[in-house]
Amino acid sequence: MRIGVYPGTFDPITLGHMDIIRRGAKLVDRLVIGVTTNITKSPLFDDDERIEMVHSEVAGLGGDIRVVGFNSLLMDFAEREGAGMIVRGLRAVADFEYEYQMAGMNQQLNDRIETVFLMADVGLQPIASRLVKEIAIFGGDIHKFVTPSVRDAVVARIAERGLLQGER
């Protein structure tokens, strides 16, 4: 069985993530979406909320897609899941430089697992979770970047935490 892991913080999951999930799932028999915490980021949603959000968003896609939280080295997680492939999305040259370095480090940790890069759909390339949150914090409309249910969750969380900025 060909198993791939698509890791990320998914805070929140965007239409760009969904594009990579749909396309990545075609390359493997099982796609494991690994939801992790990046200690360099301040998440809007906690781990369990992000896992549930991703699970909800991928539920209707069909195929063998699992959503699993993890808090370890990616290559250790991939090994535990039986993966032979890490799926990563690329939006721009800046992504490539970072991802290239990460792929090299990951190969040093475990050379049995390949990293496969998928170019983001042209219409989705500018989307980044960080920017989606920033737009929402300043009262902007994020419907072009996330599904309606994710938009509602982001807007509600920003209101709940009193994070809304700018003129209203």
C-alpha atoms as a PDB file:
ATOM      1  CA  MET A   1       0.000   0.000   0.000  1.00  0.00           C
ATOM      2  CA  ARG A   2       1.382   3.414  -0.973  1.00  0.00           C
ATOM      3  CA  ILE A   3       0.960   5.803   1.954  1.00  0.00           C
ATOM      4  CA  GLY A   4       1.696   9.510   1.838  1.00  0.00           C
ATOM      5  CA  VAL A   5       1.753  12.106   4.597  1.00  0.00           C
ATOM      6  CA  TYR A   6       0.686  15.706   4.042  1.00  0.00           C
ATOM      7  CA  PRO A   7       1.833  17.611   7.144  1.00  0.00           C
ATOM      8  CA  GLY A   8       0.907  21.092   8.268  1.00  0.00           C
ATOM      9  CA  THR A   9      -0.503  23.287  10.980  1.00  0.00           C
ATOM     10  CA  PHE A  10      -3.697  24.000   9.008  1.00  0.00           C
ATOM     11  CA  ASP A  11      -4.520  27.065  11.100  1.00  0.00           C
ATOM     12  CA  PRO A  12      -6.930  27.356   9.368  1.00  0.00           C
ATOM     13  CA  ILE A  13      -7.195  24.884   6.505  1.00  0.00           C
ATOM     14  CA  THR A  14      -7.495  26.832   3.236  1.00  0.00           C
ATOM     15  CA  LEU A  15      -8.680  26.134  -0.290  1.00  0.00           C
ATOM     16  CA  GLY A  16      -4.984  25.836  -1.188  1.00  0.00           C
ATOM     17  CA  HIS A  17      -4.572  23.025   1.338  1.00  0.00           C
ATOM     18  CA  MET A  18      -7.695  21.346  -0.014  1.00  0.00           C
ATOM     19  CA  ASP A  19      -6.285  21.484  -3.559  1.00  0.00           C
ATOM     20  CA  ILE A  20      -3.078  19.742  -2.455  1.00  0.00           C
ATOM     21  CA  ILE A  21      -5.085  17.167  -0.465  1.00  0.00           C
ATOM     22  CA  ARG A  22      -7.304  16.328  -3.456  1.00  0.00           C
ATOM     23  CA  ARG A  23      -4.346  16.023  -5.798  1.00  0.00           C
ATOM     24  CA  GLY A  24      -2.059  14.288  -3.299  1.00  0.00           C
ATOM     25  CA  ALA A  25      -4.703  11.673  -2.559  1.00  0.00           C
ATOM     26  CA  LYS A  26      -4.553  10.610  -6.226  1.00  0.00           C
ATOM     27  CA  LEU A  27      -0.868   9.714  -5.869  1.00  0.00           C
ATOM     28  CA  VAL A  28      -1.244   7.263  -2.989  1.00  0.00           C
ATOM     29  CA  ASP A  29      -3.545   4.557  -1.708  1.00  0.00           C
ATOM     30  CA  ARG A  30      -3.849   6.344   1.639  1.00  0.00           C
ATOM     31  CA  LEU A  31      -3.166   9.992   2.430  1.00  0.00           C
ATOM     32  CA  VAL A  32      -2.516  10.795   6.078  1.00  0.00           C
ATOM     33  CA  ILE A  33      -2.978  14.452   6.883  1.00  0.00           C
ATOM     34  CA  GLY A  34      -0.696  15.173   9.798  1.00  0.00           C
ATOM     35  CA  VAL A  35      -1.863  18.122  11.865  1.00  0.00           C
ATOM     36  CA  THR A  36       0.920  19.482  14.022  1.00  0.00           C
ATOM     37  CA  THR A  37       1.830  22.480  16.121  1.00  0.00           C
ATOM     38  CA  ASN A  38       4.572  24.736  14.854  1.00  0.00           C
ATOM     39  CA  ILE A  39       6.187  26.285  17.920  1.00  0.00           C
ATOM     40  CA  THR A  40       7.180  29.335  15.849  1.00  0.00           C
ATOM     41  CA  LYS A  41       3.531  30.145  15.117  1.00  0.00           C
ATOM     42  CA  SER A  42       0.725  31.359  17.378  1.00  0.00           C
ATOM     43  CA  PRO A  43      -2.262  29.229  16.418  1.00  0.00           C
ATOM     44  CA  LEU A  44      -5.771  30.659  16.315  1.00  0.00           C
ATOM     45  CA  PHE A  45      -7.165  27.153  16.954  1.00  0.00           C
ATOM     46  CA  ASP A  46      -5.819  24.500  19.316  1.00  0.00           C
ATOM     47  CA  ASP A  47      -4.663  21.092  18.099  1.00  0.00           C
ATOM     48  CA  ASP A  48      -7.981  19.304  18.619  1.00  0.00           C
ATOM     49  CA  GLU A  49      -9.932  22.087  16.917  1.00  0.00           C
ATOM     50  CA  ARG A  50      -7.626  22.028  13.885  1.00  0.00           C
ATOM     51  CA  ILE A  51      -7.792  18.242  13.648  1.00  0.00           C
ATOM     52  CA  GLU A  52     -11.608  18.392  13.754  1.00  0.00           C
ATOM     53  CA  MET A  53     -11.694  21.247  11.217  1.00  0.00           C
ATOM     54  CA  VAL A  54      -9.487  19.326   8.760  1.00  0.00           C
ATOM     55  CA  HIS A  55     -11.458  16.123   9.329  1.00  0.00           C
ATOM     56  CA  SER A  56     -14.702  17.977   8.589  1.00  0.00           C
ATOM     57  CA  GLU A  57     -13.319  19.557   5.430  1.00  0.00           C
ATOM     58  CA  VAL A  58     -11.991  16.307   3.934  1.00  0.00           C
ATOM     59  CA  ALA A  59     -14.922  14.093   4.963  1.00  0.00           C
ATOM     60  CA  GLY A  60     -16.651  14.380   1.591  1.00  0.00           C
ATOM     61  CA  LEU A  61     -13.605  13.842  -0.611  1.00  0.00           C
ATOM     62  CA  GLY A  62     -13.776  10.062  -0.697  1.00  0.00           C
ATOM     63  CA  GLY A  63     -10.757   7.818  -0.908  1.00  0.00           C
ATOM     64  CA  ASP A  64      -8.627   6.707   2.002  1.00  0.00           C
ATOM     65  CA  ILE A  65      -7.813   9.971   3.782  1.00  0.00           C
ATOM     66  CA  ARG A  66      -6.973   9.984   7.490  1.00  0.00           C
ATOM     67  CA  VAL A  67      -6.465  12.995   9.736  1.00  0.00           C
ATOM     68  CA  VAL A  68      -3.999  12.486  12.579  1.00  0.00           C
ATOM     69  CA  GLY A  69      -2.453  14.879  15.063  1.00  0.00           C
ATOM     70  CA  PHE A  70       1.239  14.603  15.788  1.00  0.00           C
ATOM     71  CA  ASN A  71       3.874  16.323  17.878  1.00  0.00           C
ATOM     72  CA  SER A  72       7.179  14.804  16.803  1.00  0.00           C
ATOM     73  CA  LEU A  73       9.706  14.945  14.020  1.00  0.00           C
ATOM     74  CA  LEU A  74       7.912  14.620  10.698  1.00  0.00           C
ATOM     75  CA  MET A  75      10.049  11.694   9.601  1.00  0.00           C
ATOM     76  CA  ASP A  76       9.315   9.810  12.822  1.00  0.00           C
ATOM     77  CA  PHE A  77       5.601  10.426  12.311  1.00  0.00           C
ATOM     78  CA  ALA A  78       5.793   9.338   8.653  1.00  0.00           C
ATOM     79  CA  GLU A  79       7.655   6.164   9.651  1.00  0.00           C
ATOM     80  CA  ARG A  80       5.001   5.347  12.299  1.00  0.00           C
ATOM     81  CA  GLU A  81       2.288   5.806   9.659  1.00  0.00           C
ATOM     82  CA  GLY A  82       4.117   3.518   7.218  1.00  0.00           C
ATOM     83  CA  ALA A  83       4.496   6.332   4.685  1.00  0.00           C
ATOM     84  CA  GLY A  84       6.890   6.227   1.776  1.00  0.00           C
ATOM     85  CA  MET A  85       6.151   9.785   0.704  1.00  0.00           C
ATOM     86  CA  ILE A  86       5.801  13.269   2.142  1.00  0.00           C
ATOM     87  CA  VAL A  87       3.507  15.507   0.075  1.00  0.00           C
ATOM     88  CA  ARG A  88       4.248  19.229   0.139  1.00  0.00           C
ATOM     89  CA  GLY A  89       2.628  22.114  -1.708  1.00  0.00           C
ATOM     90  CA  LEU A  90       4.616  24.903  -3.311  1.00  0.00           C
ATOM     91  CA  ARG A  91       3.197  28.365  -3.937  1.00  0.00           C
ATOM     92  CA  ALA A  92       6.224  30.458  -4.845  1.00  0.00           C
ATOM     93  CA  VAL A  93      10.010  30.559  -5.044  1.00  0.00           C
ATOM     94  CA  ALA A  94      10.226  31.436  -1.341  1.00  0.00           C
ATOM     95  CA  ASP A  95       8.336  28.217  -0.534  1.00  0.00           C
ATOM     96  CA  PHE A  96      10.728  26.238  -2.700  1.00  0.00           C
ATOM     97  CA  GLU A  97      13.821  27.468  -0.872  1.00  0.00           C
ATOM     98  CA  TYR A  98      12.368  26.556   2.527  1.00  0.00           C
ATOM     99  CA  GLU A  99      10.907  23.238   1.346  1.00  0.00           C
ATOM    100  CA  TYR A 100      14.115  22.270  -0.473  1.00  0.00           C
ATOM    101  CA  GLN A 101      16.088  22.729   2.730  1.00  0.00           C
ATOM    102  CA  MET A 102      13.504  20.784   4.754  1.00  0.00           C
ATOM    103  CA  ALA A 103      13.468  17.946   2.190  1.00  0.00           C
ATOM    104  CA  GLY A 104      17.256  17.728   2.423  1.00  0.00           C
ATOM    105  CA  MET A 105      17.203  17.600   6.209  1.00  0.00           C
ATOM    106  CA  ASN A 106      14.391  15.030   6.172  1.00  0.00           C
ATOM    107  CA  GLN A 107      16.339  12.883   3.709  1.00  0.00           C
ATOM    108  CA  GLN A 108      19.280  12.911   6.131  1.00  0.00           C
ATOM    109  CA  LEU A 109      16.939  11.717   8.890  1.00  0.00           C
ATOM    110  CA  ASN A 110      15.269   8.995   6.783  1.00  0.00           C
ATOM    111  CA  ASP A 111      16.277   8.353   3.188  1.00  0.00           C
ATOM    112  CA  ARG A 112      13.559   5.730   2.706  1.00  0.00           C
ATOM    113  CA  ILE A 113      10.850   8.402   2.562  1.00  0.00           C
ATOM    114  CA  GLU A 114      10.662  10.648  -0.511  1.00  0.00           C
ATOM    115  CA  THR A 115       9.373  14.207  -0.581  1.00  0.00           C
ATOM    116  CA  VAL A 116       7.037  15.032  -3.474  1.00  0.00           C
ATOM    117  CA  PHE A 117       6.217  18.635  -4.330  1.00  0.00           C
ATOM    118  CA  LEU A 118       2.943  19.696  -5.900  1.00  0.00           C
ATOM    119  CA  MET A 119       2.649  23.160  -7.381  1.00  0.00           C
ATOM    120  CA  ALA A 120      -0.356  25.016  -6.045  1.00  0.00           C
ATOM    121  CA  ASP A 121      -3.139  25.756  -8.499  1.00  0.00           C
ATOM    122  CA  VAL A 122      -2.433  29.146 -10.090  1.00  0.00           C
ATOM    123  CA  GLY A 123      -5.629  30.633  -8.687  1.00  0.00           C
ATOM    124  CA  LEU A 124      -4.748  29.475  -5.170  1.00  0.00           C
ATOM    125  CA  GLN A 125      -1.034  30.322  -5.057  1.00  0.00           C
ATOM    126  CA  PRO A 126      -1.287  33.492  -2.966  1.00  0.00           C
ATOM    127  CA  ILE A 127      -3.329  31.849  -0.198  1.00  0.00           C
ATOM    128  CA  ALA A 128      -1.560  31.382   3.135  1.00  0.00           C
ATOM    129  CA  SER A 129      -3.208  30.637   6.480  1.00  0.00           C
ATOM    130  CA  ARG A 130      -1.240  33.477   8.081  1.00  0.00           C
ATOM    131  CA  LEU A 131      -2.632  35.968   5.554  1.00  0.00           C
ATOM    132  CA  VAL A 132      -6.171  34.601   5.862  1.00  0.00           C
ATOM    133  CA  LYS A 133      -6.036  35.237   9.621  1.00  0.00           C
ATOM    134  CA  GLU A 134      -4.572  38.712   9.125  1.00  0.00           C
ATOM    135  CA  ILE A 135      -7.275  39.679   6.628  1.00  0.00           C
ATOM    136  CA  ALA A 136      -9.983  38.398   8.973  1.00  0.00           C
ATOM    137  CA  ILE A 137      -8.492  40.216  11.974  1.00  0.00           C
ATOM    138  CA  PHE A 138      -8.785  43.465  10.026  1.00  0.00           C
ATOM    139  CA  GLY A 139     -12.385  42.721   9.092  1.00  0.00           C
ATOM    140  CA  GLY A 140     -11.697  41.657   5.510  1.00  0.00           C
ATOM    141  CA  ASP A 141     -13.703  39.081   3.613  1.00  0.00           C
ATOM    142  CA  ILE A 142     -11.947  35.691   3.465  1.00  0.00           C
ATOM    143  CA  HIS A 143     -14.583  33.756   1.502  1.00  0.00           C
ATOM    144  CA  LYS A 144     -12.281  33.410  -1.542  1.00  0.00           C
ATOM    145  CA  PHE A 145      -9.663  31.590   0.531  1.00  0.00           C
ATOM    146  CA  VAL A 146     -11.549  29.143   2.760  1.00  0.00           C
ATOM    147  CA  THR A 147     -14.802  27.209   2.779  1.00  0.00           C
ATOM    148  CA  PRO A 148     -17.888  28.799   4.392  1.00  0.00           C
ATOM    149  CA  SER A 149     -17.615  26.628   7.512  1.00  0.00           C
ATOM    150  CA  VAL A 150     -13.958  27.546   8.018  1.00  0.00           C
ATOM    151  CA  ARG A 151     -14.748  31.221   7.389  1.00  0.00           C
ATOM    152  CA  ASP A 152     -17.436  31.099  10.068  1.00  0.00           C
ATOM    153  CA  ALA A 153     -15.065  29.427  12.542  1.00  0.00           C
ATOM    154  CA  VAL A 154     -12.295  31.982  11.891  1.00  0.00           C
ATOM    155  CA  VAL A 155     -14.635  34.966  12.204  1.00  0.00           C
ATOM    156  CA  ALA A 156     -16.176  33.556  15.394  1.00  0.00           C
ATOM    157  CA  ARG A 157     -12.779  32.854  16.982  1.00  0.00           C
ATOM    158  CA  ILE A 158     -11.502  36.344  16.167  1.00  0.00           C
ATOM    159  CA  ALA A 159     -14.636  37.871  17.707  1.00  0.00           C
ATOM    160  CA  GLU A 160     -14.443  35.541  20.729  1.00  0.00           C
ATOM    161  CA  ARG A 161     -10.845  36.570  21.426  1.00  0.00           C
ATOM    162  CA  GLY A 162     -11.486  40.250  20.759  1.00  0.00           C
ATOM    163  CA  LEU A 163      -8.895  40.294  17.988  1.00  0.00           C
ATOM    164  CA  LEU A 164     -10.868  42.325  15.438  1.00  0.00           C
ATOM    165  CA  GLN A 165      -8.790  45.397  14.503  1.00  0.00           C
ATOM    166  CA  GLY A 166      -9.148  48.488  12.349  1.00  0.00           C
ATOM    167  CA  GLU A 167     -12.117  50.702  11.638  1.00  0.00           C
ATOM    168  CA  ARG A 168     -15.501  49.057  11.736  1.00  0.00           C
END
